[in-house]
């Protein structure tokens, strides 16, 4: 009977070790996914900045073209 108890304890210990290894692997996987998500968020933020800068540049170019098409106030005044 004693060997049956030892065998049961061994199986229990093996299950605990296996469970611990699985939990460790799961934690590493989740950390890797979180790292990738953070990287993607950083890239998205940087792209938003670039898009905003390009939109502002396009806007000011358009404003410059509109201002360039209009005659200046000084030309409209009579001497």
PDB file of N, CA and C in Angstrom:
ATOM      1  N   UNK A   1       0.804  -1.196   0.000  1.00  0.00           N
ATOM      2  CA  UNK A   1       0.000   0.000   0.000  1.00  0.00           C
ATOM      3  C   UNK A   1       0.846   1.258   0.000  1.00  0.00           C
ATOM      4  N   UNK A   2       2.008   1.152   0.597  1.00  0.00           N
ATOM      5  CA  UNK A   2       2.873   2.310   0.667  1.00  0.00           C
ATOM      6  C   UNK A   2       3.343   2.712  -0.727  1.00  0.00           C
ATOM      7  N   UNK A   3       3.634   1.732  -1.564  1.00  0.00           N
ATOM      8  CA  UNK A   3       4.078   2.050  -2.913  1.00  0.00           C
ATOM      9  C   UNK A   3       2.959   2.689  -3.723  1.00  0.00           C
ATOM     10  N   UNK A   4       1.717   2.364  -3.408  1.00  0.00           N
ATOM     11  CA  UNK A   4       0.581   2.993  -4.090  1.00  0.00           C
ATOM     12  C   UNK A   4       0.503   4.470  -3.716  1.00  0.00           C
ATOM     13  N   UNK A   5       0.763   4.779  -2.472  1.00  0.00           N
ATOM     14  CA  UNK A   5       0.767   6.162  -2.019  1.00  0.00           C
ATOM     15  C   UNK A   5       1.901   6.953  -2.645  1.00  0.00           C
ATOM     16  N   UNK A   6       3.064   6.332  -2.765  1.00  0.00           N
ATOM     17  CA  UNK A   6       4.214   6.982  -3.395  1.00  0.00           C
ATOM     18  C   UNK A   6       3.930   7.237  -4.871  1.00  0.00           C
ATOM     19  N   UNK A   7       3.312   6.260  -5.519  1.00  0.00           N
ATOM     20  CA  UNK A   7       2.979   6.410  -6.938  1.00  0.00           C
ATOM     21  C   UNK A   7       1.975   7.552  -7.128  1.00  0.00           C
ATOM     22  N   UNK A   8       0.987   7.624  -6.258  1.00  0.00           N
ATOM     23  CA  UNK A   8      -0.016   8.688  -6.352  1.00  0.00           C
ATOM     24  C   UNK A   8       0.634  10.050  -6.127  1.00  0.00           C
ATOM     25  N   UNK A   9       1.549  10.120  -5.171  1.00  0.00           N
ATOM     26  CA  UNK A   9       2.238  11.378  -4.896  1.00  0.00           C
ATOM     27  C   UNK A   9       3.115  11.764  -6.080  1.00  0.00           C
ATOM     28  N   UNK A  10       3.754  10.780  -6.686  1.00  0.00           N
ATOM     29  CA  UNK A  10       4.599  11.050  -7.853  1.00  0.00           C
ATOM     30  C   UNK A  10       3.778  11.577  -9.013  1.00  0.00           C
ATOM     31  N   UNK A  11       2.630  10.978  -9.238  1.00  0.00           N
ATOM     32  CA  UNK A  11       1.737  11.437 -10.314  1.00  0.00           C
ATOM     33  C   UNK A  11       1.257  12.849 -10.016  1.00  0.00           C
ATOM     34  N   UNK A  12       0.933  13.117  -8.776  1.00  0.00           N
ATOM     35  CA  UNK A  12       0.498  14.456  -8.385  1.00  0.00           C
ATOM     36  C   UNK A  12       1.599  15.482  -8.584  1.00  0.00           C
ATOM     37  N   UNK A  13       2.818  15.125  -8.216  1.00  0.00           N
ATOM     38  CA  UNK A  13       3.949  16.036  -8.385  1.00  0.00           C
ATOM     39  C   UNK A  13       4.222  16.283  -9.864  1.00  0.00           C
ATOM     40  N   UNK A  14       4.144  15.233 -10.659  1.00  0.00           N
ATOM     41  CA  UNK A  14       4.353  15.373 -12.096  1.00  0.00           C
ATOM     42  C   UNK A  14       3.294  16.277 -12.716  1.00  0.00           C
ATOM     43  N   UNK A  15       2.057  16.111 -12.263  1.00  0.00           N
ATOM     44  CA  UNK A  15       0.972  16.955 -12.771  1.00  0.00           C
ATOM     45  C   UNK A  15       1.210  18.414 -12.385  1.00  0.00           C
ATOM     46  N   UNK A  16       1.712  18.641 -11.165  1.00  0.00           N
ATOM     47  CA  UNK A  16       1.980  20.009 -10.712  1.00  0.00           C
ATOM     48  C   UNK A  16       3.090  20.644 -11.543  1.00  0.00           C
ATOM     49  N   UNK A  17       4.146  19.869 -11.813  1.00  0.00           N
ATOM     50  CA  UNK A  17       5.248  20.387 -12.625  1.00  0.00           C
ATOM     51  C   UNK A  17       4.774  20.674 -14.045  1.00  0.00           C
ATOM     52  N   UNK A  18       4.022  19.760 -14.601  1.00  0.00           N
ATOM     53  CA  UNK A  18       3.499  19.953 -15.957  1.00  0.00           C
ATOM     54  C   UNK A  18       2.594  21.176 -16.015  1.00  0.00           C
ATOM     55  N   UNK A  19       1.750  21.321 -15.008  1.00  0.00           N
ATOM     56  CA  UNK A  19       0.875  22.496 -14.951  1.00  0.00           C
ATOM     57  C   UNK A  19       1.673  23.782 -14.829  1.00  0.00           C
ATOM     58  N   UNK A  20       2.735  23.746 -14.041  1.00  0.00           N
ATOM     59  CA  UNK A  20       3.590  24.923 -13.898  1.00  0.00           C
ATOM     60  C   UNK A  20       4.282  25.287 -15.198  1.00  0.00           C
ATOM     61  N   UNK A  21       4.755  24.294 -15.919  1.00  0.00           N
ATOM     62  CA  UNK A  21       5.395  24.543 -17.219  1.00  0.00           C
ATOM     63  C   UNK A  21       4.398  25.132 -18.214  1.00  0.00           C
ATOM     64  N   UNK A  22       3.188  24.592 -18.189  1.00  0.00           N
ATOM     65  CA  UNK A  22       2.162  25.107 -19.097  1.00  0.00           C
ATOM     66  C   UNK A  22       1.811  26.558 -18.749  1.00  0.00           C
ATOM     67  N   UNK A  23       1.715  26.843 -17.461  1.00  0.00           N
ATOM     68  CA  UNK A  23       1.404  28.207 -17.036  1.00  0.00           C
ATOM     69  C   UNK A  23       2.528  29.161 -17.433  1.00  0.00           C
ATOM     70  N   UNK A  24       3.765  28.705 -17.307  1.00  0.00           N
ATOM     71  CA  UNK A  24       4.913  29.520 -17.698  1.00  0.00           C
ATOM     72  C   UNK A  24       4.885  29.808 -19.202  1.00  0.00           C
ATOM     73  N   UNK A  25       4.613  28.786 -19.987  1.00  0.00           N
ATOM     74  CA  UNK A  25       4.543  28.960 -21.442  1.00  0.00           C
ATOM     75  C   UNK A  25       3.420  29.929 -21.812  1.00  0.00           C
ATOM     76  N   UNK A  26       2.279  29.805 -21.124  1.00  0.00           N
ATOM     77  CA  UNK A  26       1.146  30.689 -21.393  1.00  0.00           C
ATOM     78  C   UNK A  26       1.502  32.130 -21.043  1.00  0.00           C
ATOM     79  N   UNK A  27       2.194  32.322 -19.922  1.00  0.00           N
ATOM     80  CA  UNK A  27       2.586  33.675 -19.518  1.00  0.00           C
ATOM     81  C   UNK A  27       3.556  34.289 -20.524  1.00  0.00           C
ATOM     82  N   UNK A  28       4.502  33.500 -20.998  1.00  0.00           N
ATOM     83  CA  UNK A  28       5.447  34.002 -22.002  1.00  0.00           C
ATOM     84  C   UNK A  28       4.726  34.372 -23.295  1.00  0.00           C
ATOM     85  N   UNK A  29       3.762  33.555 -23.693  1.00  0.00           N
ATOM     86  CA  UNK A  29       2.987  33.830 -24.904  1.00  0.00           C
ATOM     87  C   UNK A  29       2.218  35.140 -24.749  1.00  0.00           C
ATOM     88  N   UNK A  30       1.562  35.314 -23.601  1.00  0.00           N
ATOM     89  CA  UNK A  30       0.792  36.536 -23.375  1.00  0.00           C
ATOM     90  C   UNK A  30       1.697  37.765 -23.357  1.00  0.00           C
ATOM     91  N   UNK A  31       2.879  37.629 -22.778  1.00  0.00           N
ATOM     92  CA  UNK A  31       3.825  38.748 -22.749  1.00  0.00           C
ATOM     93  C   UNK A  31       4.274  39.113 -24.162  1.00  0.00           C
ATOM     94  N   UNK A  32       4.496  38.095 -24.973  1.00  0.00           N
ATOM     95  CA  UNK A  32       4.915  38.332 -26.367  1.00  0.00           C
ATOM     96  C   UNK A  32       3.816  39.050 -27.148  1.00  0.00           C
ATOM     97  N   UNK A  33       2.582  38.617 -26.948  1.00  0.00           N
ATOM     98  CA  UNK A  33       1.446  39.258 -27.625  1.00  0.00           C
ATOM     99  C   UNK A  33       1.298  40.705 -27.157  1.00  0.00           C
ATOM    100  N   UNK A  34       1.446  40.938 -25.843  1.00  0.00           N
ATOM    101  CA  UNK A  34       1.341  42.304 -25.317  1.00  0.00           C
ATOM    102  C   UNK A  34       2.440  43.186 -25.891  1.00  0.00           C
ATOM    103  N   UNK A  35       3.624  42.640 -26.036  1.00  0.00           N
ATOM    104  CA  UNK A  35       4.742  43.392 -26.617  1.00  0.00           C
ATOM    105  C   UNK A  35       4.454  43.745 -28.081  1.00  0.00           C
ATOM    106  N   UNK A  36       3.918  42.807 -28.822  1.00  0.00           N
ATOM    107  CA  UNK A  36       3.569  43.080 -30.229  1.00  0.00           C
ATOM    108  C   UNK A  36       2.476  44.129 -30.329  1.00  0.00           C
ATOM    109  N   UNK A  37       1.470  44.028 -29.459  1.00  0.00           N
ATOM    110  CA  UNK A  37       0.384  45.013 -29.477  1.00  0.00           C
ATOM    111  C   UNK A  37       0.909  46.408 -29.161  1.00  0.00           C
ATOM    112  N   UNK A  38       1.805  46.495 -28.182  1.00  0.00           N
ATOM    113  CA  UNK A  38       2.381  47.795 -27.829  1.00  0.00           C
ATOM    114  C   UNK A  38       3.183  48.362 -28.997  1.00  0.00           C
ATOM    115  N   UNK A  39       3.922  47.509 -29.676  1.00  0.00           N
ATOM    116  CA  UNK A  39       4.699  47.947 -30.828  1.00  0.00           C
ATOM    117  C   UNK A  39       3.791  48.464 -31.937  1.00  0.00           C
ATOM    118  N   UNK A  40       2.705  47.749 -32.175  1.00  0.00           N
ATOM    119  CA  UNK A  40       1.759  48.173 -33.214  1.00  0.00           C
ATOM    120  C   UNK A  40       1.104  49.497 -32.834  1.00  0.00           C
ATOM    121  N   UNK A  41       0.810  49.685 -31.547  1.00  0.00           N
ATOM    122  CA  UNK A  41       0.211  50.946 -31.102  1.00  0.00           C
ATOM    123  C   UNK A  41       1.189  52.100 -31.279  1.00  0.00           C
ATOM    124  N   UNK A  42       2.475  51.869 -30.977  1.00  0.00           N
ATOM    125  CA  UNK A  42       3.481  52.913 -31.182  1.00  0.00           C
ATOM    126  C   UNK A  42       3.564  53.284 -32.662  1.00  0.00           C
ATOM    127  N   UNK A  43       3.596  52.280 -33.522  1.00  0.00           N
ATOM    128  CA  UNK A  43       3.672  52.538 -34.960  1.00  0.00           C
ATOM    129  C   UNK A  43       2.444  53.294 -35.441  1.00  0.00           C
ATOM    130  N   UNK A  44       1.275  52.920 -34.924  1.00  0.00           N
ATOM    131  CA  UNK A  44       0.040  53.604 -35.320  1.00  0.00           C
ATOM    132  C   UNK A  44       0.075  55.063 -34.863  1.00  0.00           C
ATOM    133  N   UNK A  45       0.577  55.299 -33.671  1.00  0.00           N
ATOM    134  CA  UNK A  45       0.690  56.665 -33.171  1.00  0.00           C
ATOM    135  C   UNK A  45       1.638  57.493 -34.015  1.00  0.00           C
ATOM    136  N   UNK A  46       2.764  56.903 -34.387  1.00  0.00           N
ATOM    137  CA  UNK A  46       3.717  57.613 -35.239  1.00  0.00           C
ATOM    138  C   UNK A  46       3.116  57.897 -36.604  1.00  0.00           C
ATOM    139  N   UNK A  47       2.351  56.954 -37.126  1.00  0.00           N
ATOM    140  CA  UNK A  47       1.712  57.164 -38.427  1.00  0.00           C
ATOM    141  C   UNK A  47       0.673  58.268 -38.341  1.00  0.00           C
ATOM    142  N   UNK A  48      -0.042  58.348 -37.223  1.00  0.00           N
ATOM    143  CA  UNK A  48      -1.019  59.425 -37.033  1.00  0.00           C
ATOM    144  C   UNK A  48      -0.330  60.783 -37.048  1.00  0.00           C
ATOM    145  N   UNK A  49       0.841  60.861 -36.428  1.00  0.00           N
ATOM    146  CA  UNK A  49       1.590  62.121 -36.424  1.00  0.00           C
ATOM    147  C   UNK A  49       1.988  62.504 -37.848  1.00  0.00           C
ATOM    148  N   UNK A  50       2.509  61.546 -38.590  1.00  0.00           N
ATOM    149  CA  UNK A  50       2.916  61.800 -39.975  1.00  0.00           C
ATOM    150  C   UNK A  50       1.714  62.213 -40.815  1.00  0.00           C
ATOM    151  N   UNK A  51       0.597  61.509 -40.650  1.00  0.00           N
ATOM    152  CA  UNK A  51      -0.607  61.853 -41.413  1.00  0.00           C
ATOM    153  C   UNK A  51      -1.080  63.269 -41.085  1.00  0.00           C
ATOM    154  N   UNK A  52      -1.026  63.633 -39.808  1.00  0.00           N
ATOM    155  CA  UNK A  52      -1.428  64.981 -39.406  1.00  0.00           C
ATOM    156  C   UNK A  52      -0.520  66.037 -40.000  1.00  0.00           C
ATOM    157  N   UNK A  53       0.781  65.759 -40.003  1.00  0.00           N
ATOM    158  CA  UNK A  53       1.737  66.710 -40.580  1.00  0.00           C
ATOM    159  C   UNK A  53       1.502  66.865 -42.080  1.00  0.00           C
ATOM    160  N   UNK A  54       1.254  65.757 -42.762  1.00  0.00           N
ATOM    161  CA  UNK A  54       1.009  65.829 -44.208  1.00  0.00           C
ATOM    162  C   UNK A  54      -0.291  66.555 -44.511  1.00  0.00           C
ATOM    163  N   UNK A  55      -1.320  66.326 -43.684  1.00  0.00           N
ATOM    164  CA  UNK A  55      -2.595  67.014 -43.894  1.00  0.00           C
ATOM    165  C   UNK A  55      -2.432  68.517 -43.666  1.00  0.00           C
ATOM    166  N   UNK A  56      -1.689  68.898 -42.639  1.00  0.00           N
ATOM    167  CA  UNK A  56      -1.462  70.317 -42.369  1.00  0.00           C
ATOM    168  C   UNK A  56      -0.674  70.958 -43.513  1.00  0.00           C
ATOM    169  N   UNK A  57       0.322  70.272 -43.996  1.00  0.00           N
ATOM    170  CA  UNK A  57       1.121  70.786 -45.107  1.00  0.00           C
ATOM    171  C   UNK A  57       0.259  70.971 -46.354  1.00  0.00           C
ATOM    172  N   UNK A  58      -0.586  69.988 -46.644  1.00  0.00           N
ATOM    173  CA  UNK A  58      -1.476  70.096 -47.811  1.00  0.00           C
ATOM    174  C   UNK A  58      -2.435  71.270 -47.638  1.00  0.00           C
ATOM    175  N   UNK A  59      -2.940  71.454 -46.421  1.00  0.00           N
ATOM    176  CA  UNK A  59      -3.871  72.556 -46.157  1.00  0.00           C
ATOM    177  C   UNK A  59      -3.182  73.907 -46.385  1.00  0.00           C
ATOM    178  N   UNK A  60      -1.985  74.055 -45.823  1.00  0.00           N
ATOM    179  CA  UNK A  60      -1.296  75.339 -45.966  1.00  0.00           C
ATOM    180  C   UNK A  60      -0.846  75.592 -47.401  1.00  0.00           C
ATOM    181  N   UNK A  61      -0.552  74.536 -48.132  1.00  0.00           N
ATOM    182  CA  UNK A  61      -0.244  74.712 -49.556  1.00  0.00           C
ATOM    183  C   UNK A  61      -1.465  75.222 -50.304  1.00  0.00           C
ATOM    184  N   UNK A  62      -2.622  74.635 -49.967  1.00  0.00           N
ATOM    185  CA  UNK A  62      -3.862  75.056 -50.626  1.00  0.00           C
ATOM    186  C   UNK A  62      -4.184  76.506 -50.253  1.00  0.00           C
ATOM    187  N   UNK A  63      -4.005  76.851 -49.001  1.00  0.00           N
ATOM    188  CA  UNK A  63      -4.251  78.239 -48.568  1.00  0.00           C
ATOM    189  C   UNK A  63      -3.305  79.176 -49.316  1.00  0.00           C
ATOM    190  N   UNK A  64      -2.051  78.777 -49.467  1.00  0.00           N
ATOM    191  CA  UNK A  64      -1.082  79.593 -50.196  1.00  0.00           C
ATOM    192  C   UNK A  64      -1.475  79.773 -51.643  1.00  0.00           C
ATOM    193  N   UNK A  65      -2.023  78.734 -52.261  1.00  0.00           N
ATOM    194  CA  UNK A  65      -2.459  78.851 -53.648  1.00  0.00           C
ATOM    195  C   UNK A  65      -3.639  79.798 -53.761  1.00  0.00           C
ATOM    196  N   UNK A  66      -4.571  79.692 -52.827  1.00  0.00           N
ATOM    197  CA  UNK A  66      -5.742  80.577 -52.862  1.00  0.00           C
ATOM    198  C   UNK A  66      -5.294  82.019 -52.659  1.00  0.00           C
ATOM    199  N   UNK A  67      -4.396  82.247 -51.716  1.00  0.00           N
ATOM    200  CA  UNK A  67      -3.899  83.608 -51.494  1.00  0.00           C
ATOM    201  C   UNK A  67      -3.116  84.101 -52.700  1.00  0.00           C
ATOM    202  N   UNK A  68      -2.406  83.215 -53.357  1.00  0.00           N
ATOM    203  CA  UNK A  68      -1.641  83.611 -54.535  1.00  0.00           C
ATOM    204  C   UNK A  68      -2.526  83.974 -55.709  1.00  0.00           C
ATOM    205  N   UNK A  69      -3.729  83.428 -55.786  1.00  0.00           N
ATOM    206  CA  UNK A  69      -4.651  83.706 -56.884  1.00  0.00           C
ATOM    207  C   UNK A  69      -5.371  85.035 -56.711  1.00  0.00           C
ATOM    208  N   UNK A  70      -5.463  85.525 -55.475  1.00  0.00           N
ATOM    209  CA  UNK A  70      -6.172  86.785 -55.226  1.00  0.00           C
ATOM    210  C   UNK A  70      -5.225  87.961 -55.366  1.00  0.00           C
ATOM    211  N   UNK A  71      -5.728  89.072 -55.871  1.00  0.00           N
ATOM    212  CA  UNK A  71      -4.877  90.273 -55.911  1.00  0.00           C
ATOM    213  C   UNK A  71      -4.665  90.800 -54.494  1.00  0.00           C
ATOM    214  N   UNK A  72      -3.507  91.392 -54.253  1.00  0.00           N
ATOM    215  CA  UNK A  72      -3.203  91.959 -52.938  1.00  0.00           C
ATOM    216  C   UNK A  72      -4.018  93.217 -52.717  1.00  0.00           C
ATOM    217  N   UNK A  73      -4.271  93.543 -51.488  1.00  0.00           N
ATOM    218  CA  UNK A  73      -5.039  94.743 -51.136  1.00  0.00           C
ATOM    219  C   UNK A  73      -4.348  96.016 -51.623  1.00  0.00           C
ATOM    220  N   UNK A  74      -3.026  96.004 -51.581  1.00  0.00           N
ATOM    221  CA  UNK A  74      -2.301  97.215 -51.989  1.00  0.00           C
ATOM    222  C   UNK A  74      -2.490  97.504 -53.477  1.00  0.00           C
ATOM    223  N   UNK A  75      -2.753  96.535 -54.281  1.00  0.00           N
ATOM    224  CA  UNK A  75      -2.959  96.740 -55.726  1.00  0.00           C
ATOM    225  C   UNK A  75      -4.353  97.301 -56.019  1.00  0.00           C
ATOM    226  N   UNK A  76      -5.289  97.060 -55.116  1.00  0.00           N
ATOM    227  CA  UNK A  76      -6.672  97.503 -55.353  1.00  0.00           C
ATOM    228  C   UNK A  76      -6.893  98.964 -54.978  1.00  0.00           C
ATOM    229  N   UNK A  77      -6.042  99.519 -54.182  1.00  0.00           N
ATOM    230  CA  UNK A  77      -6.231 100.886 -53.732  1.00  0.00           C
ATOM    231  C   UNK A  77      -5.900 101.880 -54.850  1.00  0.00           C
ATOM    232  N   UNK A  78      -6.648 102.940 -54.876  1.00  0.00           N
ATOM    233  CA  UNK A  78      -6.379 103.988 -55.845  1.00  0.00           C
ATOM    234  C   UNK A  78      -5.299 104.918 -55.273  1.00  0.00           C
ATOM    235  N   UNK A  79      -4.448 105.475 -56.133  1.00  0.00           N
ATOM    236  CA  UNK A  79      -3.419 106.412 -55.637  1.00  0.00           C
ATOM    237  C   UNK A  79      -3.974 107.731 -55.252  1.00  0.00           C
TER     238      UNK A  79
END
